Amino acid sequence: MEDSRVEAIRVLAEPILAEAAMELVELSCRSQGRQHDVRLLVDRVGGVTIQQCAQVNSRLSGALENSQVIEGSFTVEVSSPGLDRPLVQARDFQRALGEEVQVECRCGADGRLETLRGQLLAVQQEAIVVKTPSGNLTVPLSQIRKAQKYIRW
């Protein structure tokens, strides 16, 4: 049920985001009883302002109320992913080409979770290539659990 709700919210959100020249980075909907929390991470070339997030929030809230996709009360939170933006889709990895990334994946033959850090060298149709101290590794996108640019503080 959650997946179909998230997909219905995505269908409502995408035209609103397209009109604002924004892209959806991540969408979640969490339920606690009849209360639902809808969270969107959005981005655009040049970044996103607080006012732009507020406008998308208002429009999406209205669309959700009119559609009745969500039964009960809900809150909508729209924000920018910031510096630690997750890399989820191939286009996210494309933007990070040449940069240092951190990738959690099930990479080994035994399927255990590993964390890789290195320079993102290539994005292929079904995989990425990361230059690590132990050599170049090809990681299938299907095995990636979490990825983001690596930020040194």
N, C-alpha and C. Protein backbone atom coordinates (compact mmCIF):
# COMPACT_ATOMS: atom_id res chain seq x y z
N MET A 1 0.83 -1.20 0.00
CA MET A 1 0.00 0.00 0.00
C MET A 1 0.86 1.25 0.00
N GLU A 2 1.96 1.24 0.81
CA GLU A 2 2.84 2.41 0.86
C GLU A 2 3.40 2.74 -0.52
N ASP A 3 3.84 1.70 -1.27
CA ASP A 3 4.41 1.94 -2.59
C ASP A 3 3.41 2.59 -3.54
N SER A 4 2.17 2.14 -3.51
CA SER A 4 1.16 2.73 -4.40
C SER A 4 0.84 4.16 -3.97
N ARG A 5 0.88 4.43 -2.68
CA ARG A 5 0.63 5.80 -2.19
C ARG A 5 1.77 6.71 -2.64
N VAL A 6 3.01 6.24 -2.47
CA VAL A 6 4.17 7.04 -2.89
C VAL A 6 4.11 7.31 -4.38
N GLU A 7 3.74 6.30 -5.16
CA GLU A 7 3.65 6.49 -6.61
C GLU A 7 2.55 7.49 -6.97
N ALA A 8 1.43 7.46 -6.27
CA ALA A 8 0.34 8.42 -6.52
C ALA A 8 0.78 9.84 -6.16
N ILE A 9 1.55 9.98 -5.08
CA ILE A 9 2.06 11.29 -4.69
C ILE A 9 3.05 11.78 -5.74
N ARG A 10 3.91 10.86 -6.23
CA ARG A 10 4.88 11.22 -7.27
C ARG A 10 4.17 11.75 -8.52
N VAL A 11 3.08 11.09 -8.91
CA VAL A 11 2.32 11.51 -10.09
C VAL A 11 1.76 12.93 -9.89
N LEU A 12 1.32 13.25 -8.69
CA LEU A 12 0.82 14.60 -8.40
C LEU A 12 1.97 15.62 -8.35
N ALA A 13 3.11 15.21 -7.81
CA ALA A 13 4.22 16.14 -7.58
C ALA A 13 4.98 16.49 -8.86
N GLU A 14 5.14 15.55 -9.76
CA GLU A 14 6.02 15.78 -10.91
C GLU A 14 5.61 16.96 -11.79
N PRO A 15 4.33 17.17 -12.12
CA PRO A 15 3.99 18.36 -12.92
C PRO A 15 4.24 19.67 -12.16
N ILE A 16 4.02 19.65 -10.87
CA ILE A 16 4.28 20.84 -10.04
C ILE A 16 5.77 21.16 -10.05
N LEU A 17 6.59 20.12 -9.91
CA LEU A 17 8.04 20.30 -9.92
C LEU A 17 8.53 20.71 -11.31
N ALA A 18 7.97 20.12 -12.34
CA ALA A 18 8.38 20.48 -13.71
C ALA A 18 8.11 21.95 -13.99
N GLU A 19 6.95 22.43 -13.53
CA GLU A 19 6.61 23.84 -13.73
C GLU A 19 7.60 24.76 -12.99
N ALA A 20 8.12 24.28 -11.87
CA ALA A 20 9.09 25.06 -11.09
C ALA A 20 10.53 24.78 -11.53
N ALA A 21 10.70 24.02 -12.62
CA ALA A 21 12.02 23.64 -13.13
C ALA A 21 12.85 22.90 -12.08
N MET A 22 12.17 22.07 -11.30
CA MET A 22 12.83 21.29 -10.26
C MET A 22 12.73 19.81 -10.59
N GLU A 23 13.60 19.04 -9.98
CA GLU A 23 13.52 17.59 -10.12
C GLU A 23 13.36 16.96 -8.75
N LEU A 24 12.70 15.85 -8.72
CA LEU A 24 12.50 15.11 -7.49
C LEU A 24 13.71 14.24 -7.24
N VAL A 25 14.36 14.44 -6.09
CA VAL A 25 15.51 13.64 -5.72
C VAL A 25 15.06 12.43 -4.92
N GLU A 26 14.17 12.66 -3.98
CA GLU A 26 13.71 11.59 -3.11
C GLU A 26 12.32 11.91 -2.59
N LEU A 27 11.49 10.88 -2.42
CA LEU A 27 10.14 11.04 -1.92
C LEU A 27 9.85 9.93 -0.93
N SER A 28 9.29 10.30 0.21
CA SER A 28 8.87 9.29 1.18
C SER A 28 7.54 9.70 1.79
N CYS A 29 6.80 8.70 2.24
CA CYS A 29 5.54 8.92 2.95
C CYS A 29 5.51 7.94 4.11
N ARG A 30 5.54 8.48 5.31
CA ARG A 30 5.51 7.63 6.50
C ARG A 30 4.19 7.85 7.23
N SER A 31 3.64 6.76 7.71
CA SER A 31 2.34 6.82 8.40
C SER A 31 2.49 6.43 9.85
N GLN A 32 1.77 7.17 10.69
CA GLN A 32 1.61 6.81 12.09
C GLN A 32 0.11 6.93 12.37
N GLY A 33 -0.55 5.78 12.33
CA GLY A 33 -2.00 5.82 12.46
C GLY A 33 -2.61 6.49 11.24
N ARG A 34 -3.42 7.51 11.49
CA ARG A 34 -4.04 8.25 10.39
C ARG A 34 -3.27 9.51 10.03
N GLN A 35 -2.13 9.75 10.68
CA GLN A 35 -1.27 10.89 10.36
C GLN A 35 -0.19 10.43 9.38
N HIS A 36 0.00 11.20 8.31
CA HIS A 36 0.97 10.85 7.28
C HIS A 36 1.95 12.02 7.10
N ASP A 37 3.22 11.69 6.99
CA ASP A 37 4.26 12.69 6.75
C ASP A 37 4.83 12.45 5.35
N VAL A 38 4.63 13.42 4.47
CA VAL A 38 5.13 13.35 3.10
C VAL A 38 6.37 14.23 3.03
N ARG A 39 7.49 13.64 2.60
CA ARG A 39 8.74 14.39 2.52
C ARG A 39 9.31 14.30 1.11
N LEU A 40 9.66 15.46 0.58
CA LEU A 40 10.27 15.53 -0.74
C LEU A 40 11.61 16.24 -0.64
N LEU A 41 12.61 15.68 -1.30
CA LEU A 41 13.86 16.38 -1.53
C LEU A 41 13.84 16.79 -2.99
N VAL A 42 14.02 18.07 -3.25
CA VAL A 42 13.97 18.59 -4.61
C VAL A 42 15.24 19.38 -4.90
N ASP A 43 15.56 19.49 -6.17
CA ASP A 43 16.75 20.24 -6.55
C ASP A 43 16.53 20.85 -7.92
N ARG A 44 17.37 21.77 -8.27
CA ARG A 44 17.37 22.38 -9.60
C ARG A 44 18.73 22.97 -9.84
N VAL A 45 19.03 23.23 -11.09
CA VAL A 45 20.30 23.86 -11.44
C VAL A 45 20.37 25.21 -10.73
N GLY A 46 21.44 25.46 -10.02
CA GLY A 46 21.57 26.71 -9.28
C GLY A 46 21.05 26.64 -7.86
N GLY A 47 20.44 25.51 -7.50
CA GLY A 47 19.95 25.34 -6.12
C GLY A 47 18.51 25.76 -5.95
N VAL A 48 18.00 25.52 -4.76
CA VAL A 48 16.60 25.76 -4.43
C VAL A 48 16.54 26.72 -3.24
N THR A 49 15.65 27.71 -3.32
CA THR A 49 15.49 28.65 -2.21
C THR A 49 14.38 28.18 -1.27
N ILE A 50 14.35 28.75 -0.10
CA ILE A 50 13.29 28.45 0.87
C ILE A 50 11.92 28.83 0.29
N GLN A 51 11.86 29.97 -0.39
CA GLN A 51 10.59 30.40 -0.98
C GLN A 51 10.10 29.41 -2.03
N GLN A 52 11.00 28.88 -2.83
CA GLN A 52 10.61 27.91 -3.85
C GLN A 52 10.10 26.62 -3.20
N CYS A 53 10.75 26.20 -2.13
CA CYS A 53 10.28 25.01 -1.40
C CYS A 53 8.88 25.27 -0.84
N ALA A 54 8.66 26.47 -0.29
CA ALA A 54 7.35 26.82 0.28
C ALA A 54 6.27 26.82 -0.80
N GLN A 55 6.59 27.32 -2.00
CA GLN A 55 5.61 27.34 -3.09
C GLN A 55 5.24 25.92 -3.52
N VAL A 56 6.23 25.05 -3.66
CA VAL A 56 5.96 23.67 -4.03
C VAL A 56 5.15 22.99 -2.93
N ASN A 57 5.49 23.26 -1.68
CA ASN A 57 4.78 22.69 -0.54
C ASN A 57 3.30 23.07 -0.60
N SER A 58 3.02 24.33 -0.82
CA SER A 58 1.65 24.82 -0.87
C SER A 58 0.87 24.17 -2.01
N ARG A 59 1.48 24.13 -3.18
CA ARG A 59 0.80 23.56 -4.35
C ARG A 59 0.56 22.07 -4.18
N LEU A 60 1.56 21.34 -3.66
CA LEU A 60 1.41 19.90 -3.49
C LEU A 60 0.39 19.60 -2.39
N SER A 61 0.39 20.37 -1.33
CA SER A 61 -0.60 20.18 -0.26
C SER A 61 -2.01 20.32 -0.81
N GLY A 62 -2.23 21.34 -1.63
CA GLY A 62 -3.54 21.54 -2.26
C GLY A 62 -3.91 20.39 -3.18
N ALA A 63 -2.94 19.93 -3.96
CA ALA A 63 -3.21 18.82 -4.87
C ALA A 63 -3.54 17.54 -4.10
N LEU A 64 -2.84 17.32 -2.99
CA LEU A 64 -3.12 16.14 -2.17
C LEU A 64 -4.51 16.21 -1.53
N GLU A 65 -4.88 17.40 -1.06
CA GLU A 65 -6.22 17.56 -0.48
C GLU A 65 -7.31 17.29 -1.52
N ASN A 66 -7.13 17.82 -2.71
CA ASN A 66 -8.13 17.64 -3.77
C ASN A 66 -8.20 16.21 -4.28
N SER A 67 -7.08 15.51 -4.27
CA SER A 67 -7.05 14.15 -4.83
C SER A 67 -7.50 13.08 -3.85
N GLN A 68 -7.38 13.36 -2.60
CA GLN A 68 -7.69 12.40 -1.54
C GLN A 68 -6.86 11.12 -1.66
N VAL A 69 -5.63 11.27 -2.13
CA VAL A 69 -4.68 10.16 -2.19
C VAL A 69 -4.37 9.66 -0.78
N ILE A 70 -4.36 10.59 0.16
CA ILE A 70 -4.05 10.26 1.55
C ILE A 70 -5.32 10.40 2.38
N GLU A 71 -5.66 9.32 3.06
CA GLU A 71 -6.81 9.37 3.98
C GLU A 71 -6.30 9.86 5.33
N GLY A 72 -7.04 10.76 5.96
CA GLY A 72 -6.62 11.30 7.25
C GLY A 72 -5.78 12.55 7.07
N SER A 73 -5.15 12.97 8.15
CA SER A 73 -4.37 14.20 8.09
C SER A 73 -2.95 13.92 7.60
N PHE A 74 -2.34 14.96 7.06
CA PHE A 74 -0.98 14.81 6.56
C PHE A 74 -0.23 16.12 6.68
N THR A 75 1.09 16.01 6.68
CA THR A 75 1.96 17.16 6.58
C THR A 75 2.85 16.94 5.36
N VAL A 76 3.26 18.03 4.74
CA VAL A 76 4.15 17.96 3.59
C VAL A 76 5.39 18.77 3.94
N GLU A 77 6.55 18.17 3.70
CA GLU A 77 7.82 18.84 3.92
C GLU A 77 8.60 18.80 2.61
N VAL A 78 8.98 19.96 2.10
CA VAL A 78 9.75 20.06 0.87
C VAL A 78 11.06 20.75 1.21
N SER A 79 12.17 20.11 0.86
CA SER A 79 13.46 20.71 1.17
C SER A 79 14.49 20.34 0.11
N SER A 80 15.60 21.03 0.17
CA SER A 80 16.73 20.77 -0.71
C SER A 80 17.62 19.73 -0.05
N PRO A 81 18.23 18.86 -0.83
CA PRO A 81 19.06 17.82 -0.23
C PRO A 81 20.35 18.32 0.38
N GLY A 82 20.77 19.52 0.04
CA GLY A 82 21.99 20.07 0.63
C GLY A 82 23.25 19.39 0.12
N LEU A 83 24.34 19.59 0.84
CA LEU A 83 25.63 19.07 0.42
C LEU A 83 25.70 17.55 0.42
N ASP A 84 24.97 16.92 1.32
CA ASP A 84 25.04 15.45 1.41
C ASP A 84 23.92 14.77 0.60
N ARG A 85 23.59 15.38 -0.51
CA ARG A 85 22.54 14.88 -1.39
C ARG A 85 22.76 13.41 -1.73
N PRO A 86 21.73 12.59 -1.57
CA PRO A 86 21.88 11.19 -1.94
C PRO A 86 21.98 11.03 -3.45
N LEU A 87 22.75 10.07 -3.88
CA LEU A 87 22.85 9.71 -5.29
C LEU A 87 21.97 8.49 -5.46
N VAL A 88 20.88 8.65 -6.19
CA VAL A 88 19.88 7.59 -6.28
C VAL A 88 19.76 7.08 -7.71
N GLN A 89 19.55 7.99 -8.64
CA GLN A 89 19.32 7.61 -10.03
C GLN A 89 20.57 7.85 -10.85
N ALA A 90 20.60 7.29 -12.04
CA ALA A 90 21.76 7.43 -12.92
C ALA A 90 22.11 8.90 -13.15
N ARG A 91 21.10 9.77 -13.28
CA ARG A 91 21.38 11.19 -13.52
C ARG A 91 22.09 11.84 -12.32
N ASP A 92 21.81 11.34 -11.11
CA ASP A 92 22.50 11.85 -9.92
C ASP A 92 23.98 11.49 -9.98
N PHE A 93 24.27 10.25 -10.38
CA PHE A 93 25.66 9.82 -10.50
C PHE A 93 26.36 10.57 -11.63
N GLN A 94 25.64 10.85 -12.73
CA GLN A 94 26.22 11.61 -13.84
C GLN A 94 26.73 12.97 -13.36
N ARG A 95 25.94 13.63 -12.51
CA ARG A 95 26.33 14.94 -11.99
C ARG A 95 27.56 14.87 -11.10
N ALA A 96 27.79 13.70 -10.51
CA ALA A 96 28.91 13.54 -9.58
C ALA A 96 30.16 12.96 -10.24
N LEU A 97 30.15 12.79 -11.56
CA LEU A 97 31.31 12.24 -12.25
C LEU A 97 32.57 13.03 -11.91
N GLY A 98 33.63 12.31 -11.60
CA GLY A 98 34.90 12.93 -11.28
C GLY A 98 35.05 13.31 -9.82
N GLU A 99 33.98 13.24 -9.07
CA GLU A 99 34.03 13.62 -7.66
C GLU A 99 34.20 12.39 -6.77
N GLU A 100 34.59 12.65 -5.53
CA GLU A 100 34.73 11.56 -4.57
C GLU A 100 33.36 11.21 -4.01
N VAL A 101 33.07 9.91 -3.99
CA VAL A 101 31.78 9.44 -3.51
C VAL A 101 31.97 8.37 -2.44
N GLN A 102 30.92 8.19 -1.67
CA GLN A 102 30.88 7.11 -0.69
C GLN A 102 29.67 6.25 -1.04
N VAL A 103 29.89 4.95 -1.19
CA VAL A 103 28.85 4.04 -1.66
C VAL A 103 28.73 2.85 -0.71
N GLU A 104 27.53 2.63 -0.20
CA GLU A 104 27.24 1.41 0.57
C GLU A 104 26.61 0.44 -0.40
N CYS A 105 27.19 -0.76 -0.48
CA CYS A 105 26.67 -1.74 -1.43
C CYS A 105 26.89 -3.16 -0.93
N ARG A 106 26.20 -4.06 -1.57
CA ARG A 106 26.42 -5.49 -1.35
C ARG A 106 27.28 -5.94 -2.52
N CYS A 107 28.60 -5.78 -2.36
CA CYS A 107 29.52 -5.92 -3.48
C CYS A 107 30.19 -7.27 -3.60
N GLY A 108 30.50 -7.90 -2.49
CA GLY A 108 31.26 -9.15 -2.54
C GLY A 108 30.41 -10.35 -2.91
N ALA A 109 31.07 -11.46 -3.16
CA ALA A 109 30.38 -12.70 -3.50
C ALA A 109 29.51 -13.17 -2.34
N ASP A 110 29.90 -12.82 -1.11
CA ASP A 110 29.13 -13.24 0.06
C ASP A 110 27.94 -12.33 0.34
N GLY A 111 27.82 -11.23 -0.39
CA GLY A 111 26.67 -10.34 -0.26
C GLY A 111 26.64 -9.47 0.98
N ARG A 112 27.77 -9.36 1.67
CA ARG A 112 27.76 -8.52 2.88
C ARG A 112 27.87 -7.05 2.49
N LEU A 113 27.36 -6.20 3.37
CA LEU A 113 27.34 -4.76 3.14
C LEU A 113 28.75 -4.19 3.29
N GLU A 114 29.19 -3.43 2.29
CA GLU A 114 30.50 -2.79 2.31
C GLU A 114 30.33 -1.31 2.02
N THR A 115 31.28 -0.51 2.50
CA THR A 115 31.31 0.91 2.19
C THR A 115 32.56 1.19 1.37
N LEU A 116 32.37 1.74 0.19
CA LEU A 116 33.47 2.10 -0.70
C LEU A 116 33.60 3.61 -0.74
N ARG A 117 34.80 4.09 -0.85
CA ARG A 117 35.03 5.51 -1.02
C ARG A 117 36.06 5.68 -2.12
N GLY A 118 35.76 6.57 -3.06
CA GLY A 118 36.71 6.80 -4.14
C GLY A 118 36.13 7.75 -5.18
N GLN A 119 36.88 7.94 -6.25
CA GLN A 119 36.47 8.85 -7.31
C GLN A 119 35.53 8.14 -8.27
N LEU A 120 34.42 8.78 -8.58
CA LEU A 120 33.46 8.22 -9.53
C LEU A 120 34.00 8.45 -10.94
N LEU A 121 34.37 7.35 -11.60
CA LEU A 121 35.00 7.44 -12.92
C LEU A 121 34.00 7.36 -14.08
N ALA A 122 32.96 6.54 -13.91
CA ALA A 122 32.04 6.32 -15.03
C ALA A 122 30.66 5.91 -14.52
N VAL A 123 29.67 6.23 -15.33
CA VAL A 123 28.30 5.78 -15.08
C VAL A 123 27.88 5.01 -16.33
N GLN A 124 27.61 3.73 -16.13
CA GLN A 124 27.16 2.87 -17.21
C GLN A 124 25.66 2.68 -17.08
N GLN A 125 25.08 1.97 -18.02
CA GLN A 125 23.63 1.79 -17.99
C GLN A 125 23.15 1.10 -16.71
N GLU A 126 23.87 0.11 -16.24
CA GLU A 126 23.43 -0.65 -15.07
C GLU A 126 24.43 -0.62 -13.92
N ALA A 127 25.49 0.21 -14.03
CA ALA A 127 26.54 0.18 -13.01
C ALA A 127 27.31 1.50 -12.97
N ILE A 128 28.09 1.66 -11.91
CA ILE A 128 29.03 2.78 -11.81
C ILE A 128 30.43 2.19 -11.64
N VAL A 129 31.44 3.00 -11.96
CA VAL A 129 32.83 2.59 -11.78
C VAL A 129 33.47 3.57 -10.81
N VAL A 130 34.02 3.04 -9.72
CA VAL A 130 34.63 3.85 -8.68
C VAL A 130 36.11 3.50 -8.57
N LYS A 131 36.96 4.52 -8.60
CA LYS A 131 38.40 4.34 -8.43
C LYS A 131 38.70 4.35 -6.94
N THR A 132 39.12 3.21 -6.40
CA THR A 132 39.43 3.09 -4.98
C THR A 132 40.93 2.85 -4.82
N PRO A 133 41.46 2.95 -3.61
CA PRO A 133 42.88 2.66 -3.42
C PRO A 133 43.29 1.26 -3.86
N SER A 134 42.35 0.31 -3.85
CA SER A 134 42.68 -1.05 -4.27
C SER A 134 42.39 -1.31 -5.76
N GLY A 135 42.00 -0.28 -6.50
CA GLY A 135 41.74 -0.43 -7.93
C GLY A 135 40.34 0.03 -8.30
N ASN A 136 40.05 -0.03 -9.59
CA ASN A 136 38.73 0.37 -10.08
C ASN A 136 37.73 -0.75 -9.83
N LEU A 137 36.57 -0.37 -9.28
CA LEU A 137 35.51 -1.33 -9.00
C LEU A 137 34.26 -0.95 -9.77
N THR A 138 33.65 -1.93 -10.40
CA THR A 138 32.37 -1.74 -11.07
C THR A 138 31.29 -2.22 -10.12
N VAL A 139 30.35 -1.33 -9.80
CA VAL A 139 29.29 -1.65 -8.84
C VAL A 139 27.95 -1.56 -9.55
N PRO A 140 27.23 -2.68 -9.64
CA PRO A 140 25.89 -2.63 -10.25
C PRO A 140 24.96 -1.70 -9.44
N LEU A 141 24.19 -0.90 -10.13
CA LEU A 141 23.26 0.01 -9.46
C LEU A 141 22.29 -0.75 -8.55
N SER A 142 21.94 -1.95 -8.93
CA SER A 142 20.99 -2.74 -8.14
C SER A 142 21.56 -3.16 -6.79
N GLN A 143 22.89 -3.11 -6.64
CA GLN A 143 23.51 -3.52 -5.38
C GLN A 143 23.80 -2.34 -4.45
N ILE A 144 23.55 -1.12 -4.93
CA ILE A 144 23.82 0.07 -4.13
C ILE A 144 22.66 0.30 -3.16
N ARG A 145 22.99 0.40 -1.89
CA ARG A 145 21.98 0.65 -0.86
C ARG A 145 21.90 2.14 -0.53
N LYS A 146 23.04 2.83 -0.59
CA LYS A 146 23.10 4.25 -0.27
C LYS A 146 24.36 4.81 -0.92
N ALA A 147 24.25 6.02 -1.48
CA ALA A 147 25.42 6.65 -2.09
C ALA A 147 25.27 8.16 -1.99
N GLN A 148 26.41 8.83 -1.83
CA GLN A 148 26.42 10.29 -1.80
C GLN A 148 27.83 10.78 -2.07
N LYS A 149 27.94 12.06 -2.39
CA LYS A 149 29.26 12.66 -2.53
C LYS A 149 29.93 12.61 -1.18
N TYR A 150 31.22 12.38 -1.19
CA TYR A 150 31.97 12.33 0.06
C TYR A 150 32.43 13.75 0.37
N ILE A 151 32.06 14.21 1.57
CA ILE A 151 32.39 15.57 1.98
C ILE A 151 33.36 15.51 3.14
N ARG A 152 34.48 16.15 2.98
CA ARG A 152 35.47 16.21 4.06
C ARG A 152 35.24 17.46 4.88
N TRP A 153 35.17 17.29 6.17
CA TRP A 153 34.92 18.45 7.05
C TRP A 153 36.19 18.95 7.61
